[in-house]
Each structure stands twice: as C-alpha cells, then as structure tokens.
Amino acid sequence: MDTNDSLRVASLWHSMHAISQQLSPTTGCSGIELLEADTFDLHCFQSLTGTKFFVVCEPGTQHMEALLKVVYELYTDYVLKNPFYEMEMPIRCELFDINLTQAVQKDRVALLGR
C-alpha cells in the first residue's frame, strides 16, 4: 500500500473504532480490537496516548497482540525519541524500519518453527 492508501485505511479504522466504543452495550469498551473476515484478520492495539497500531494478517494468525506491543515499544524507542519526527505525520525513521522488519521476521520464524 502506498501512503495515501494507508491513510485511508487508518481513517476508516479510526471512525469504526470510535463508533464501536459509543455503540457497545458493554461499559468501558475500548473499541474494536479484532476484525475477522474470510480472507484476513485485522488486529488493533491502542496505546494509552490513543495512538493506534494495527496489523493485517492471515485468518487465525496467533500472537498478533504481542507483536503489536513490540511495534509500540519500537515506536516509543525509535520514533518518539527522534527529534526530527513530527507528530501526526507518516513515520520516516530508518532505525524504526530496520527494527520493525527484524521483529516481524523473528515473529514469522517463531510461528513457522524455522
């Protein structure tokens, strides 16, 4: 996906997440955490600051919540501590990209057992 597609998906997800919080019959609902479809699952992690991280994966993929928490840790370590990063802007940080790729590859290896 290019940047515009990512922004469209994030905008749509933010709206659905906010509406689900308001319409939920459960008090204290924090919004949608998992959207299951026939061809994909979309997992969401919302940080205490309200920043949302999500991952699209194959249906039934395990441990995505843990992976999203690792992504959040990388975000706080490499993006938020970067003096050149501007909030609400797309992330353009080489160290974040490198460590994110390593975390995803590590998770993939653990899932496949290789």
N, C-alpha and C. Protein backbone atom coordinates (compact mmCIF):
# COMPACT_ATOMS: atom_id res chain seq x y z
N MET A 1 0.84 -1.19 0.00
CA MET A 1 0.00 0.00 0.00
C MET A 1 0.88 1.24 0.00
N ASP A 2 0.43 2.24 -0.71
CA ASP A 2 1.17 3.49 -0.67
C ASP A 2 0.68 4.33 0.52
N THR A 3 1.26 5.48 0.71
CA THR A 3 0.95 6.32 1.87
C THR A 3 -0.52 6.73 1.89
N ASN A 4 -1.06 7.10 0.73
CA ASN A 4 -2.47 7.52 0.68
C ASN A 4 -3.41 6.38 1.06
N ASP A 5 -3.13 5.17 0.57
CA ASP A 5 -3.96 4.02 0.94
C ASP A 5 -3.87 3.75 2.44
N SER A 6 -2.68 3.86 3.00
CA SER A 6 -2.51 3.65 4.44
C SER A 6 -3.31 4.67 5.23
N LEU A 7 -3.28 5.93 4.79
CA LEU A 7 -4.03 6.98 5.47
C LEU A 7 -5.54 6.74 5.37
N ARG A 8 -6.00 6.25 4.21
CA ARG A 8 -7.43 5.96 4.06
C ARG A 8 -7.86 4.84 5.00
N VAL A 9 -7.07 3.76 5.06
CA VAL A 9 -7.39 2.64 5.94
C VAL A 9 -7.37 3.10 7.40
N ALA A 10 -6.38 3.88 7.77
CA ALA A 10 -6.29 4.37 9.15
C ALA A 10 -7.47 5.26 9.50
N SER A 11 -7.88 6.11 8.58
CA SER A 11 -9.02 7.00 8.81
C SER A 11 -10.30 6.20 8.97
N LEU A 12 -10.50 5.23 8.11
CA LEU A 12 -11.69 4.37 8.19
C LEU A 12 -11.69 3.60 9.50
N TRP A 13 -10.54 3.03 9.86
CA TRP A 13 -10.45 2.26 11.10
C TRP A 13 -10.71 3.14 12.31
N HIS A 14 -10.16 4.34 12.33
CA HIS A 14 -10.37 5.25 13.45
C HIS A 14 -11.86 5.52 13.63
N SER A 15 -12.57 5.76 12.55
CA SER A 15 -14.01 6.03 12.62
C SER A 15 -14.77 4.83 13.15
N MET A 16 -14.48 3.64 12.62
CA MET A 16 -15.16 2.42 13.08
C MET A 16 -14.86 2.17 14.55
N HIS A 17 -13.63 2.40 14.96
CA HIS A 17 -13.21 2.18 16.33
C HIS A 17 -13.98 3.11 17.27
N ALA A 18 -14.08 4.37 16.90
CA ALA A 18 -14.79 5.36 17.73
C ALA A 18 -16.28 5.05 17.81
N ILE A 19 -16.88 4.68 16.70
CA ILE A 19 -18.31 4.35 16.69
C ILE A 19 -18.58 3.11 17.54
N SER A 20 -17.69 2.12 17.46
CA SER A 20 -17.89 0.89 18.24
C SER A 20 -17.82 1.17 19.75
N GLN A 21 -16.99 2.11 20.16
CA GLN A 21 -16.92 2.48 21.57
C GLN A 21 -18.25 3.06 22.05
N GLN A 22 -18.87 3.87 21.20
CA GLN A 22 -20.12 4.53 21.58
C GLN A 22 -21.31 3.59 21.53
N LEU A 23 -21.30 2.63 20.61
CA LEU A 23 -22.45 1.74 20.44
C LEU A 23 -22.37 0.47 21.27
N SER A 24 -21.24 0.21 21.87
CA SER A 24 -21.06 -1.03 22.62
C SER A 24 -21.99 -1.09 23.82
N PRO A 25 -22.66 -2.24 24.01
CA PRO A 25 -23.51 -2.39 25.20
C PRO A 25 -22.69 -2.61 26.47
N THR A 26 -21.40 -2.88 26.32
CA THR A 26 -20.51 -3.11 27.45
C THR A 26 -19.92 -1.79 27.92
N THR A 27 -20.04 -1.51 29.20
CA THR A 27 -19.45 -0.26 29.72
C THR A 27 -17.92 -0.40 29.74
N GLY A 28 -17.25 0.68 29.42
CA GLY A 28 -15.79 0.68 29.43
C GLY A 28 -15.18 0.04 28.21
N CYS A 29 -15.96 -0.16 27.15
CA CYS A 29 -15.44 -0.77 25.91
C CYS A 29 -14.38 0.14 25.30
N SER A 30 -13.27 -0.44 24.91
CA SER A 30 -12.18 0.36 24.34
C SER A 30 -12.19 0.33 22.82
N GLY A 31 -13.20 -0.24 22.20
CA GLY A 31 -13.29 -0.26 20.75
C GLY A 31 -12.93 -1.62 20.17
N ILE A 32 -12.92 -1.68 18.87
CA ILE A 32 -12.65 -2.93 18.15
C ILE A 32 -11.17 -3.29 18.30
N GLU A 33 -10.90 -4.50 18.71
CA GLU A 33 -9.52 -4.99 18.80
C GLU A 33 -9.21 -6.00 17.71
N LEU A 34 -10.25 -6.67 17.19
CA LEU A 34 -10.04 -7.68 16.16
C LEU A 34 -11.21 -7.67 15.20
N LEU A 35 -10.90 -7.57 13.92
CA LEU A 35 -11.89 -7.68 12.86
C LEU A 35 -11.54 -8.94 12.07
N GLU A 36 -12.44 -9.90 12.07
CA GLU A 36 -12.20 -11.16 11.36
C GLU A 36 -13.02 -11.18 10.08
N ALA A 37 -12.36 -11.41 8.97
CA ALA A 37 -13.01 -11.54 7.67
C ALA A 37 -12.65 -12.90 7.09
N ASP A 38 -13.21 -13.22 5.95
CA ASP A 38 -12.93 -14.52 5.32
C ASP A 38 -11.48 -14.64 4.88
N THR A 39 -10.90 -13.55 4.42
CA THR A 39 -9.57 -13.62 3.82
C THR A 39 -8.47 -12.96 4.65
N PHE A 40 -8.83 -12.28 5.74
CA PHE A 40 -7.82 -11.63 6.57
C PHE A 40 -8.37 -11.36 7.96
N ASP A 41 -7.47 -11.13 8.90
CA ASP A 41 -7.79 -10.63 10.23
C ASP A 41 -7.10 -9.28 10.39
N LEU A 42 -7.76 -8.33 11.05
CA LEU A 42 -7.17 -7.04 11.33
C LEU A 42 -7.16 -6.89 12.84
N HIS A 43 -5.96 -6.84 13.42
CA HIS A 43 -5.78 -6.68 14.87
C HIS A 43 -5.40 -5.23 15.15
N CYS A 44 -5.92 -4.69 16.26
CA CYS A 44 -5.64 -3.31 16.63
C CYS A 44 -5.16 -3.24 18.07
N PHE A 45 -4.16 -2.41 18.30
CA PHE A 45 -3.68 -2.11 19.65
C PHE A 45 -3.71 -0.61 19.81
N GLN A 46 -4.43 -0.14 20.84
CA GLN A 46 -4.47 1.29 21.12
C GLN A 46 -3.64 1.58 22.35
N SER A 47 -2.66 2.46 22.20
CA SER A 47 -1.79 2.82 23.32
C SER A 47 -2.54 3.74 24.28
N LEU A 48 -1.96 3.97 25.44
CA LEU A 48 -2.57 4.85 26.42
C LEU A 48 -2.71 6.29 25.91
N THR A 49 -1.87 6.66 24.97
CA THR A 49 -1.94 8.00 24.40
C THR A 49 -2.98 8.11 23.28
N GLY A 50 -3.58 6.98 22.90
CA GLY A 50 -4.59 6.98 21.86
C GLY A 50 -4.06 6.62 20.48
N THR A 51 -2.76 6.48 20.34
CA THR A 51 -2.19 6.07 19.06
C THR A 51 -2.56 4.62 18.80
N LYS A 52 -3.06 4.36 17.58
CA LYS A 52 -3.49 3.01 17.23
C LYS A 52 -2.47 2.36 16.28
N PHE A 53 -2.19 1.10 16.55
CA PHE A 53 -1.33 0.30 15.69
C PHE A 53 -2.17 -0.88 15.24
N PHE A 54 -2.10 -1.21 13.96
CA PHE A 54 -2.83 -2.38 13.52
C PHE A 54 -2.03 -3.18 12.52
N VAL A 55 -2.40 -4.46 12.45
CA VAL A 55 -1.74 -5.38 11.55
C VAL A 55 -2.81 -6.19 10.82
N VAL A 56 -2.60 -6.38 9.54
CA VAL A 56 -3.46 -7.22 8.72
C VAL A 56 -2.71 -8.52 8.49
N CYS A 57 -3.36 -9.65 8.80
CA CYS A 57 -2.69 -10.94 8.68
C CYS A 57 -3.66 -12.01 8.18
N GLU A 58 -3.13 -13.18 7.96
CA GLU A 58 -3.97 -14.29 7.53
C GLU A 58 -4.93 -14.67 8.65
N PRO A 59 -6.11 -15.17 8.29
CA PRO A 59 -7.08 -15.55 9.32
C PRO A 59 -6.50 -16.56 10.31
N GLY A 60 -6.75 -16.33 11.59
CA GLY A 60 -6.32 -17.26 12.63
C GLY A 60 -4.87 -17.15 13.06
N THR A 61 -4.14 -16.17 12.54
CA THR A 61 -2.74 -16.00 12.93
C THR A 61 -2.68 -15.65 14.42
N GLN A 62 -1.84 -16.37 15.14
CA GLN A 62 -1.74 -16.21 16.59
C GLN A 62 -0.69 -15.15 16.98
N HIS A 63 -0.79 -14.66 18.19
CA HIS A 63 0.21 -13.80 18.84
C HIS A 63 0.35 -12.42 18.20
N MET A 64 -0.65 -11.95 17.51
CA MET A 64 -0.56 -10.62 16.90
C MET A 64 -0.62 -9.51 17.95
N GLU A 65 -1.31 -9.75 19.06
CA GLU A 65 -1.36 -8.74 20.12
C GLU A 65 0.05 -8.49 20.67
N ALA A 66 0.79 -9.57 20.88
CA ALA A 66 2.17 -9.44 21.38
C ALA A 66 3.04 -8.71 20.36
N LEU A 67 2.87 -9.02 19.09
CA LEU A 67 3.65 -8.35 18.04
C LEU A 67 3.32 -6.85 18.02
N LEU A 68 2.05 -6.51 18.17
CA LEU A 68 1.67 -5.10 18.18
C LEU A 68 2.27 -4.36 19.36
N LYS A 69 2.39 -5.02 20.49
CA LYS A 69 3.02 -4.39 21.65
C LYS A 69 4.51 -4.16 21.41
N VAL A 70 5.15 -5.09 20.71
CA VAL A 70 6.56 -4.92 20.33
C VAL A 70 6.69 -3.73 19.37
N VAL A 71 5.76 -3.62 18.43
CA VAL A 71 5.78 -2.49 17.49
C VAL A 71 5.64 -1.18 18.25
N TYR A 72 4.76 -1.15 19.25
CA TYR A 72 4.60 0.06 20.06
C TYR A 72 5.89 0.40 20.80
N GLU A 73 6.56 -0.60 21.34
CA GLU A 73 7.84 -0.36 22.03
C GLU A 73 8.87 0.21 21.06
N LEU A 74 8.91 -0.33 19.84
CA LEU A 74 9.84 0.19 18.84
C LEU A 74 9.48 1.64 18.48
N TYR A 75 8.20 1.90 18.39
CA TYR A 75 7.71 3.26 18.09
C TYR A 75 8.18 4.24 19.17
N THR A 76 8.03 3.85 20.43
CA THR A 76 8.45 4.76 21.50
C THR A 76 9.97 4.92 21.53
N ASP A 77 10.71 3.85 21.22
CA ASP A 77 12.17 3.92 21.27
C ASP A 77 12.78 4.67 20.09
N TYR A 78 12.25 4.45 18.88
CA TYR A 78 12.92 5.00 17.70
C TYR A 78 12.22 6.17 17.04
N VAL A 79 10.92 6.29 17.21
CA VAL A 79 10.20 7.38 16.56
C VAL A 79 9.99 8.55 17.51
N LEU A 80 9.42 8.28 18.67
CA LEU A 80 9.12 9.37 19.59
C LEU A 80 10.38 10.04 20.15
N LYS A 81 11.47 9.31 20.19
CA LYS A 81 12.72 9.89 20.69
C LYS A 81 13.54 10.54 19.57
N ASN A 82 13.01 10.49 18.35
CA ASN A 82 13.68 11.11 17.21
C ASN A 82 13.31 12.60 17.19
N PRO A 83 14.28 13.49 17.33
CA PRO A 83 13.96 14.92 17.39
C PRO A 83 13.42 15.48 16.07
N PHE A 84 13.55 14.75 14.96
CA PHE A 84 13.09 15.23 13.67
C PHE A 84 11.69 14.72 13.31
N TYR A 85 11.14 13.84 14.15
CA TYR A 85 9.79 13.31 13.87
C TYR A 85 8.74 14.33 14.29
N GLU A 86 7.75 14.54 13.43
CA GLU A 86 6.63 15.42 13.73
C GLU A 86 5.40 14.56 13.97
N MET A 87 4.73 14.80 15.10
CA MET A 87 3.53 14.04 15.43
C MET A 87 2.50 14.14 14.31
N GLU A 88 1.72 13.08 14.17
CA GLU A 88 0.64 13.00 13.18
C GLU A 88 1.15 12.94 11.73
N MET A 89 2.43 12.73 11.56
CA MET A 89 2.99 12.61 10.22
C MET A 89 3.39 11.16 9.99
N PRO A 90 3.44 10.73 8.70
CA PRO A 90 3.90 9.36 8.44
C PRO A 90 5.30 9.14 9.02
N ILE A 91 5.54 7.94 9.48
CA ILE A 91 6.83 7.62 10.11
C ILE A 91 7.88 7.39 9.03
N ARG A 92 8.94 8.16 9.10
CA ARG A 92 10.07 8.02 8.19
C ARG A 92 11.33 7.98 9.05
N CYS A 93 11.60 6.79 9.59
CA CYS A 93 12.72 6.63 10.50
C CYS A 93 13.39 5.30 10.18
N GLU A 94 14.62 5.37 9.70
CA GLU A 94 15.32 4.18 9.24
C GLU A 94 15.53 3.15 10.35
N LEU A 95 15.91 3.59 11.55
CA LEU A 95 16.12 2.65 12.65
C LEU A 95 14.82 1.94 13.03
N PHE A 96 13.71 2.66 13.00
CA PHE A 96 12.41 2.04 13.27
C PHE A 96 12.11 0.98 12.22
N ASP A 97 12.31 1.32 10.95
CA ASP A 97 12.05 0.38 9.85
C ASP A 97 12.89 -0.89 9.98
N ILE A 98 14.17 -0.71 10.29
CA ILE A 98 15.07 -1.86 10.41
C ILE A 98 14.63 -2.77 11.56
N ASN A 99 14.37 -2.18 12.72
CA ASN A 99 13.97 -2.97 13.88
C ASN A 99 12.58 -3.57 13.72
N LEU A 100 11.70 -2.88 13.04
CA LEU A 100 10.37 -3.43 12.76
C LEU A 100 10.47 -4.66 11.85
N THR A 101 11.28 -4.56 10.83
CA THR A 101 11.49 -5.70 9.93
C THR A 101 12.05 -6.89 10.70
N GLN A 102 13.01 -6.63 11.57
CA GLN A 102 13.59 -7.72 12.37
C GLN A 102 12.55 -8.35 13.30
N ALA A 103 11.70 -7.54 13.91
CA ALA A 103 10.67 -8.06 14.82
C ALA A 103 9.66 -8.91 14.07
N VAL A 104 9.26 -8.46 12.89
CA VAL A 104 8.30 -9.23 12.08
C VAL A 104 8.94 -10.53 11.62
N GLN A 105 10.20 -10.49 11.19
CA GLN A 105 10.88 -11.71 10.75
C GLN A 105 11.04 -12.68 11.92
N LYS A 106 11.38 -12.17 13.10
CA LYS A 106 11.53 -13.01 14.28
C LYS A 106 10.20 -13.67 14.63
N ASP A 107 9.10 -12.90 14.57
CA ASP A 107 7.77 -13.43 14.84
C ASP A 107 7.39 -14.48 13.81
N ARG A 108 7.71 -14.23 12.56
CA ARG A 108 7.39 -15.16 11.49
C ARG A 108 8.15 -16.47 11.68
N VAL A 109 9.42 -16.39 12.05
CA VAL A 109 10.23 -17.59 12.29
C VAL A 109 9.66 -18.38 13.47
N ALA A 110 9.25 -17.67 14.52
CA ALA A 110 8.69 -18.35 15.70
C ALA A 110 7.38 -19.05 15.33
N LEU A 111 6.56 -18.42 14.49
CA LEU A 111 5.29 -19.04 14.10
C LEU A 111 5.49 -20.26 13.23
N LEU A 112 6.47 -20.17 12.32
CA LEU A 112 6.70 -21.29 11.39
C LEU A 112 7.60 -22.36 12.00
N GLY A 113 8.24 -22.04 13.10
CA GLY A 113 9.12 -23.02 13.76
C GLY A 113 10.40 -23.25 13.01
N ARG A 114 10.84 -22.24 12.27
CA ARG A 114 12.09 -22.36 11.49
C ARG A 114 13.10 -21.36 11.95
